Amino acid sequence: MPFSNSPGVKFSQFIDGLAPQLGDQFVGLRAGTNYRFDGSPTGTSGNLSREISQTAHGFTVKQIVRFNGTVYVLAQGDSSADADVLGMVSAVEDVNDFELTIYGYVPGLSGLVAGSDYFLDPTVAGGMTLTAPSAPGQVRKALFTADSATSGYFFNNGGQQL
């Protein structure tokens, strides 16, 4: 089926009649946004992300963040409010700009255990842990499955406060 943003409208109509190619990126399909969908099935991409500008954000790649209504901050599994995850920092351009993966494949990481599931960390803000939280008040929220030591799949499932 052709790529489409509404019934009967082929994606190729948006790029002057050219057929979409493997690895095409669809950037800002709606005016005024900076969302990116990279549908490449090559194993180097395949995610939905957003470029964020926030003065002196202080984030590093692999951190889990939420939006507090004003700015992006580190998420943590210590309470339901702090565990309201929005995405994973997948790239840092500079002190004011980062890429937030909202869903999908994230390459270029380090220190992962292939084949393992990661949970939002209840003790380290922005962190993930291999150990499922189990203490009362903590939030058990699976977020990531590593397919190698350097990559995996970010997903934002609902969590459960214990």
C-alpha atoms as a PDB file:
ATOM      1  CA  MET A   1       0.000   0.000   0.000  1.00  0.00           C
ATOM      2  CA  PRO A   2       1.389   3.475  -0.812  1.00  0.00           C
ATOM      3  CA  PHE A   3       2.386   5.821   1.987  1.00  0.00           C
ATOM      4  CA  SER A   4      -0.480   8.118   2.866  1.00  0.00           C
ATOM      5  CA  ASN A   5      -1.441  10.863   5.268  1.00  0.00           C
ATOM      6  CA  SER A   6      -5.150  10.630   4.442  1.00  0.00           C
ATOM      7  CA  PRO A   7      -7.350   8.196   2.549  1.00  0.00           C
ATOM      8  CA  GLY A   8      -6.616   8.181  -1.160  1.00  0.00           C
ATOM      9  CA  VAL A   9      -3.619  10.540  -0.994  1.00  0.00           C
ATOM     10  CA  LYS A  10      -0.344   8.869  -1.875  1.00  0.00           C
ATOM     11  CA  PHE A  11       2.836  10.034  -0.168  1.00  0.00           C
ATOM     12  CA  SER A  12       4.480  10.357  -3.582  1.00  0.00           C
ATOM     13  CA  GLN A  13       2.143  13.267  -4.327  1.00  0.00           C
ATOM     14  CA  PHE A  14       3.992  15.231  -1.637  1.00  0.00           C
ATOM     15  CA  ILE A  15       7.356  14.782  -3.296  1.00  0.00           C
ATOM     16  CA  ASP A  16       6.493  15.826  -6.840  1.00  0.00           C
ATOM     17  CA  GLY A  17       5.389  12.414  -8.034  1.00  0.00           C
ATOM     18  CA  LEU A  18       8.539  10.526  -7.022  1.00  0.00           C
ATOM     19  CA  ALA A  19       8.066   7.117  -5.445  1.00  0.00           C
ATOM     20  CA  PRO A  20       9.203   6.808  -1.826  1.00  0.00           C
ATOM     21  CA  GLN A  21      12.496   5.006  -1.464  1.00  0.00           C
ATOM     22  CA  LEU A  22      13.732   2.658   1.228  1.00  0.00           C
ATOM     23  CA  GLY A  23      15.067   4.810   4.076  1.00  0.00           C
ATOM     24  CA  ASP A  24      13.166   7.977   3.157  1.00  0.00           C
ATOM     25  CA  GLN A  25      12.612  10.305   6.082  1.00  0.00           C
ATOM     26  CA  PHE A  26       9.370  12.188   6.414  1.00  0.00           C
ATOM     27  CA  VAL A  27      10.163  15.420   8.206  1.00  0.00           C
ATOM     28  CA  GLY A  28       7.534  17.940   9.273  1.00  0.00           C
ATOM     29  CA  LEU A  29       4.595  16.539   7.303  1.00  0.00           C
ATOM     30  CA  ARG A  30       2.466  19.093   9.127  1.00  0.00           C
ATOM     31  CA  ALA A  31       3.528  22.727   8.802  1.00  0.00           C
ATOM     32  CA  GLY A  32       5.250  24.152  11.854  1.00  0.00           C
ATOM     33  CA  THR A  33       6.400  20.860  13.390  1.00  0.00           C
ATOM     34  CA  ASN A  34       9.811  19.319  13.738  1.00  0.00           C
ATOM     35  CA  TYR A  35       8.783  15.685  14.066  1.00  0.00           C
ATOM     36  CA  ARG A  36      10.673  13.070  12.111  1.00  0.00           C
ATOM     37  CA  PHE A  37       9.525   9.616  11.089  1.00  0.00           C
ATOM     38  CA  ASP A  38      12.314   7.493   9.719  1.00  0.00           C
ATOM     39  CA  GLY A  39      10.827   4.317   8.320  1.00  0.00           C
ATOM     40  CA  SER A  40      14.034   2.655   7.194  1.00  0.00           C
ATOM     41  CA  PRO A  41      14.007  -1.085   7.918  1.00  0.00           C
ATOM     42  CA  THR A  42      17.800  -1.345   7.557  1.00  0.00           C
ATOM     43  CA  GLY A  43      18.444  -1.582  11.285  1.00  0.00           C
ATOM     44  CA  THR A  44      19.929   1.903  11.580  1.00  0.00           C
ATOM     45  CA  SER A  45      16.671   3.743  12.117  1.00  0.00           C
ATOM     46  CA  GLY A  46      12.930   3.250  12.219  1.00  0.00           C
ATOM     47  CA  ASN A  47      11.619   5.626  14.828  1.00  0.00           C
ATOM     48  CA  LEU A  48       9.479   8.651  15.571  1.00  0.00           C
ATOM     49  CA  SER A  49      11.496  11.485  17.049  1.00  0.00           C
ATOM     50  CA  ARG A  50      11.385  15.215  17.606  1.00  0.00           C
ATOM     51  CA  GLU A  51      14.094  17.849  17.624  1.00  0.00           C
ATOM     52  CA  ILE A  52      13.842  19.917  20.804  1.00  0.00           C
ATOM     53  CA  SER A  53      15.408  23.312  21.582  1.00  0.00           C
ATOM     54  CA  GLN A  54      15.680  24.042  25.295  1.00  0.00           C
ATOM     55  CA  THR A  55      18.264  26.391  26.736  1.00  0.00           C
ATOM     56  CA  ALA A  56      20.963  24.533  28.707  1.00  0.00           C
ATOM     57  CA  HIS A  57      18.968  21.279  28.758  1.00  0.00           C
ATOM     58  CA  GLY A  58      21.821  19.264  30.365  1.00  0.00           C
ATOM     59  CA  PHE A  59      20.699  15.916  28.928  1.00  0.00           C
ATOM     60  CA  THR A  60      22.864  13.066  27.672  1.00  0.00           C
ATOM     61  CA  VAL A  61      22.072  10.305  25.216  1.00  0.00           C
ATOM     62  CA  LYS A  62      20.022   7.425  26.684  1.00  0.00           C
ATOM     63  CA  GLN A  63      18.321   9.508  29.377  1.00  0.00           C
ATOM     64  CA  ILE A  64      14.556   9.198  29.812  1.00  0.00           C
ATOM     65  CA  VAL A  65      12.634  12.487  29.959  1.00  0.00           C
ATOM     66  CA  ARG A  66       9.174  13.861  30.615  1.00  0.00           C
ATOM     67  CA  PHE A  67       7.582  17.278  30.065  1.00  0.00           C
ATOM     68  CA  ASN A  68       6.570  19.094  33.248  1.00  0.00           C
ATOM     69  CA  GLY A  69       4.291  21.614  31.514  1.00  0.00           C
ATOM     70  CA  THR A  70       7.067  24.148  30.985  1.00  0.00           C
ATOM     71  CA  VAL A  71      10.326  22.332  30.181  1.00  0.00           C
ATOM     72  CA  TYR A  72      11.683  18.834  29.614  1.00  0.00           C
ATOM     73  CA  VAL A  73      13.065  17.205  32.772  1.00  0.00           C
ATOM     74  CA  LEU A  74      14.416  13.781  33.719  1.00  0.00           C
ATOM     75  CA  ALA A  75      11.781  11.126  34.401  1.00  0.00           C
ATOM     76  CA  GLN A  76      12.032   8.763  37.345  1.00  0.00           C
ATOM     77  CA  GLY A  77      10.066   5.764  38.577  1.00  0.00           C
ATOM     78  CA  ASP A  78       9.714   7.048  42.147  1.00  0.00           C
ATOM     79  CA  SER A  79       6.136   8.356  41.719  1.00  0.00           C
ATOM     80  CA  SER A  80       3.399   8.404  39.103  1.00  0.00           C
ATOM     81  CA  ALA A  81       3.983  12.126  38.425  1.00  0.00           C
ATOM     82  CA  ASP A  82       7.727  11.680  37.822  1.00  0.00           C
ATOM     83  CA  ALA A  83       7.128   8.556  35.695  1.00  0.00           C
ATOM     84  CA  ASP A  84       5.074  10.349  33.038  1.00  0.00           C
ATOM     85  CA  VAL A  85       7.641   9.491  30.335  1.00  0.00           C
ATOM     86  CA  LEU A  86       7.658  11.252  26.986  1.00  0.00           C
ATOM     87  CA  GLY A  87      10.753   9.753  25.347  1.00  0.00           C
ATOM     88  CA  MET A  88      14.454   8.889  25.286  1.00  0.00           C
ATOM     89  CA  VAL A  89      17.224  11.345  24.426  1.00  0.00           C
ATOM     90  CA  SER A  90      18.696   9.775  21.290  1.00  0.00           C
ATOM     91  CA  ALA A  91      21.102  12.549  20.233  1.00  0.00           C
ATOM     92  CA  VAL A  92      22.498  15.765  21.678  1.00  0.00           C
ATOM     93  CA  GLU A  93      23.413  18.396  19.110  1.00  0.00           C
ATOM     94  CA  ASP A  94      24.635  21.015  21.562  1.00  0.00           C
ATOM     95  CA  VAL A  95      23.853  22.485  24.992  1.00  0.00           C
ATOM     96  CA  ASN A  96      20.513  23.831  23.729  1.00  0.00           C
ATOM     97  CA  ASP A  97      19.324  21.162  21.254  1.00  0.00           C
ATOM     98  CA  PHE A  98      18.590  17.454  21.507  1.00  0.00           C
ATOM     99  CA  GLU A  99      16.631  14.758  19.715  1.00  0.00           C
ATOM    100  CA  LEU A 100      13.884  12.977  21.613  1.00  0.00           C
ATOM    101  CA  THR A 101      12.851   9.535  20.369  1.00  0.00           C
ATOM    102  CA  ILE A 102       9.196   9.047  21.139  1.00  0.00           C
ATOM    103  CA  TYR A 103       8.960   5.503  19.773  1.00  0.00           C
ATOM    104  CA  GLY A 104      11.108   3.033  17.891  1.00  0.00           C
ATOM    105  CA  TYR A 105      14.644   1.933  17.192  1.00  0.00           C
ATOM    106  CA  VAL A 106      17.539   3.783  18.876  1.00  0.00           C
ATOM    107  CA  PRO A 107      21.125   3.064  17.712  1.00  0.00           C
ATOM    108  CA  GLY A 108      24.357   4.595  19.010  1.00  0.00           C
ATOM    109  CA  LEU A 109      23.947   3.735  22.680  1.00  0.00           C
ATOM    110  CA  SER A 110      26.353   1.869  24.952  1.00  0.00           C
ATOM    111  CA  GLY A 111      26.444  -0.440  27.954  1.00  0.00           C
ATOM    112  CA  LEU A 112      23.296  -2.415  27.148  1.00  0.00           C
ATOM    113  CA  VAL A 113      22.684  -6.135  27.659  1.00  0.00           C
ATOM    114  CA  ALA A 114      21.396  -7.650  24.416  1.00  0.00           C
ATOM    115  CA  GLY A 115      18.027  -9.378  24.768  1.00  0.00           C
ATOM    116  CA  SER A 116      17.197  -7.587  28.016  1.00  0.00           C
ATOM    117  CA  ASP A 117      14.236  -5.435  28.983  1.00  0.00           C
ATOM    118  CA  TYR A 118      14.811  -2.154  30.791  1.00  0.00           C
ATOM    119  CA  PHE A 119      12.540  -0.347  33.227  1.00  0.00           C
ATOM    120  CA  LEU A 120      12.333   3.288  34.291  1.00  0.00           C
ATOM    121  CA  ASP A 121      14.724   3.590  37.226  1.00  0.00           C
ATOM    122  CA  PRO A 122      13.065   4.517  40.555  1.00  0.00           C
ATOM    123  CA  THR A 123      16.331   5.756  42.124  1.00  0.00           C
ATOM    124  CA  VAL A 124      18.251   7.449  39.280  1.00  0.00           C
ATOM    125  CA  ALA A 125      16.520  10.350  37.513  1.00  0.00           C
ATOM    126  CA  GLY A 126      16.613   9.784  33.743  1.00  0.00           C
ATOM    127  CA  GLY A 127      17.914   6.252  34.145  1.00  0.00           C
ATOM    128  CA  MET A 128      16.873   2.781  33.088  1.00  0.00           C
ATOM    129  CA  THR A 129      17.405  -0.403  35.072  1.00  0.00           C
ATOM    130  CA  LEU A 130      17.376  -4.123  34.349  1.00  0.00           C
ATOM    131  CA  THR A 131      15.700  -4.751  37.710  1.00  0.00           C
ATOM    132  CA  ALA A 132      11.927  -4.397  37.734  1.00  0.00           C
ATOM    133  CA  PRO A 133      10.926  -1.990  40.535  1.00  0.00           C
ATOM    134  CA  SER A 134       9.178  -3.779  43.400  1.00  0.00           C
ATOM    135  CA  ALA A 135       8.967  -1.396  46.373  1.00  0.00           C
ATOM    136  CA  PRO A 136       5.666   0.201  47.407  1.00  0.00           C
ATOM    137  CA  GLY A 137       5.206   3.633  45.792  1.00  0.00           C
ATOM    138  CA  GLN A 138       7.595   2.939  42.923  1.00  0.00           C
ATOM    139  CA  VAL A 139       6.397   2.703  39.323  1.00  0.00           C
ATOM    140  CA  ARG A 140       7.062  -0.426  37.268  1.00  0.00           C
ATOM    141  CA  LYS A 141       7.296   0.805  33.690  1.00  0.00           C
ATOM    142  CA  ALA A 142       9.014  -1.179  30.931  1.00  0.00           C
ATOM    143  CA  LEU A 143      10.588   1.178  28.367  1.00  0.00           C
ATOM    144  CA  PHE A 144      13.263  -0.467  26.295  1.00  0.00           C
ATOM    145  CA  THR A 145      14.405  -3.778  24.842  1.00  0.00           C
ATOM    146  CA  ALA A 146      18.069  -4.048  23.829  1.00  0.00           C
ATOM    147  CA  ASP A 147      18.860  -5.980  20.660  1.00  0.00           C
ATOM    148  CA  SER A 148      22.622  -5.455  21.070  1.00  0.00           C
ATOM    149  CA  ALA A 149      25.048  -3.743  23.443  1.00  0.00           C
ATOM    150  CA  THR A 150      24.548  -0.490  21.520  1.00  0.00           C
ATOM    151  CA  SER A 151      20.939  -0.405  20.307  1.00  0.00           C
ATOM    152  CA  GLY A 152      17.355  -1.383  20.942  1.00  0.00           C
ATOM    153  CA  TYR A 153      13.704  -0.447  20.821  1.00  0.00           C
ATOM    154  CA  PHE A 154      12.169   2.342  22.894  1.00  0.00           C
ATOM    155  CA  PHE A 155       8.466   2.031  23.677  1.00  0.00           C
ATOM    156  CA  ASN A 156       6.346   3.897  26.175  1.00  0.00           C
ATOM    157  CA  ASN A 157       4.002   1.416  27.795  1.00  0.00           C
ATOM    158  CA  GLY A 158       1.774   2.373  30.660  1.00  0.00           C
ATOM    159  CA  GLY A 159       3.302   1.795  34.054  1.00  0.00           C
ATOM    160  CA  GLN A 160       1.959   0.486  37.319  1.00  0.00           C
ATOM    161  CA  GLN A 161       2.457   2.220  40.641  1.00  0.00           C
ATOM    162  CA  LEU A 162       3.217  -0.413  43.274  1.00  0.00           C
END
